[in-house]
Amino acid sequence: MGFRRTKDEAKQSRVWKRFISDNRQLLADIGVPEDVLATQRAFDYFMMHGEYPGSPVLIEPAKLSPERKALIRTLVLNYFRSGLGDPGVSLLPPPEVDELRREAGLD
């Protein structure tokens, strides 16, 4: 007997793959390594903590250059708009995350 995904799981997988495809250059510009992009769960962890176990990338909101912060704002907004939800983003200060949530129509 084979594994069968539900329609919701299949849709979520398509949305995730489309998000990665649509944002590939932005993710590269930020420096997000491929292992973080392997699964939505890994990426959500990264969005929540600014790092991923074993990854050399660490994003500390207080230390972001204005250029990198602008890239991350775009990434977070694109993620929210994609329909993948909000895993509890901490890549930016909470007021900025709240602003992006509103802009994406999540609040």
Protein backbone atom coordinates (compact mmCIF):
# COMPACT_ATOMS: atom_id res chain seq x y z
CA MET A 1 0.00 0.00 0.00
CA GLY A 2 1.41 3.42 -0.96
CA PHE A 3 1.35 6.66 0.91
CA ARG A 4 -1.40 9.00 -0.16
CA ARG A 5 -1.55 12.70 0.69
CA THR A 6 -4.77 14.49 1.39
CA LYS A 7 -5.90 17.22 -1.01
CA ASP A 8 -4.95 19.85 1.58
CA GLU A 9 -1.44 18.38 1.94
CA ALA A 10 -1.02 18.29 -1.84
CA LYS A 11 -2.18 21.90 -2.14
CA GLN A 12 0.17 22.99 0.67
CA SER A 13 3.05 21.25 -1.11
CA ARG A 14 2.27 23.06 -4.39
CA VAL A 15 2.07 26.42 -2.61
CA TRP A 16 5.39 25.74 -0.87
CA LYS A 17 7.13 24.76 -4.12
CA ARG A 18 5.73 27.82 -5.89
CA PHE A 19 6.93 30.10 -3.05
CA ILE A 20 10.47 28.69 -3.30
CA SER A 21 10.46 28.97 -7.09
CA ASP A 22 9.12 32.53 -7.10
CA ASN A 23 11.58 33.68 -4.42
CA ARG A 24 14.71 31.73 -5.38
CA GLN A 25 16.80 34.83 -6.20
CA LEU A 26 15.64 36.72 -3.10
CA LEU A 27 16.51 33.73 -0.91
CA ALA A 28 19.96 33.54 -2.53
CA ASP A 29 20.50 37.29 -2.07
CA ILE A 30 19.71 36.94 1.65
CA GLY A 31 22.03 33.93 1.91
CA VAL A 32 19.53 31.27 2.92
CA PRO A 33 21.23 27.89 2.36
CA GLU A 34 19.61 25.10 0.37
CA ASP A 35 19.24 22.83 3.41
CA VAL A 36 16.89 25.40 4.96
CA LEU A 37 14.77 25.30 1.79
CA ALA A 38 14.48 21.50 1.75
CA THR A 39 11.15 21.49 3.59
CA GLN A 40 8.60 23.99 4.74
CA ARG A 41 9.16 22.79 8.29
CA ALA A 42 12.88 23.61 8.07
CA PHE A 43 12.14 27.02 6.57
CA ASP A 44 9.51 27.78 9.21
CA TYR A 45 12.10 26.99 11.89
CA PHE A 46 14.45 29.43 10.19
CA MET A 47 11.71 32.10 10.04
CA MET A 48 10.98 31.58 13.76
CA HIS A 49 14.58 31.52 15.01
CA GLY A 50 16.73 33.26 12.40
CA GLU A 51 18.89 30.16 12.15
CA TYR A 52 18.70 26.49 11.35
CA PRO A 53 20.60 23.74 13.19
CA GLY A 54 23.84 23.08 11.34
CA SER A 55 23.43 26.11 9.09
CA PRO A 56 26.05 28.86 9.01
CA VAL A 57 23.37 31.54 8.57
CA LEU A 58 22.22 33.49 11.60
CA ILE A 59 19.93 36.47 11.24
CA GLU A 60 19.92 38.84 14.18
CA PRO A 61 17.37 41.63 13.65
CA ALA A 62 19.39 44.19 15.63
CA LYS A 63 22.45 43.65 13.42
CA LEU A 64 20.82 43.82 9.98
CA SER A 65 22.08 46.32 7.44
CA PRO A 66 19.33 48.45 5.89
CA GLU A 67 19.78 46.59 2.59
CA ARG A 68 19.50 43.12 4.11
CA LYS A 69 16.59 44.20 6.28
CA ALA A 70 14.74 45.37 3.15
CA LEU A 71 15.34 41.97 1.52
CA ILE A 72 14.07 40.14 4.60
CA ARG A 73 10.98 42.39 4.79
CA THR A 74 10.22 41.45 1.18
CA LEU A 75 10.74 37.76 1.93
CA VAL A 76 8.45 37.83 4.98
CA LEU A 77 5.75 39.73 3.10
CA ASN A 78 5.95 37.30 0.17
CA TYR A 79 5.70 34.37 2.60
CA PHE A 80 2.63 35.84 4.27
CA ARG A 81 1.01 36.59 0.90
CA SER A 82 1.74 33.09 -0.40
CA GLY A 83 -0.87 31.55 1.88
CA LEU A 84 1.64 29.56 3.93
CA GLY A 85 0.66 31.36 7.13
CA ASP A 86 2.77 32.82 9.91
CA PRO A 87 4.97 30.35 11.78
CA GLY A 88 5.88 33.03 14.34
CA VAL A 89 8.40 35.10 12.42
CA SER A 90 11.23 36.60 14.48
CA LEU A 91 13.53 37.72 11.65
CA LEU A 92 12.32 41.29 12.22
CA PRO A 93 11.18 43.26 15.27
CA PRO A 94 7.57 42.42 16.27
CA PRO A 95 6.10 45.80 15.20
CA GLU A 96 7.48 45.28 11.69
CA VAL A 97 6.16 41.72 11.52
CA ASP A 98 2.75 43.01 12.61
CA GLU A 99 2.89 45.69 9.90
CA LEU A 100 3.71 43.07 7.25
CA ARG A 101 0.92 40.79 8.52
CA ARG A 102 -1.56 43.65 8.06
CA GLU A 103 -0.16 44.49 4.62
CA ALA A 104 -0.56 40.84 3.60
CA GLY A 105 -4.12 40.76 4.92
CA LEU A 106 -3.47 38.29 7.73
CA ASP A 107 -4.86 40.57 10.46
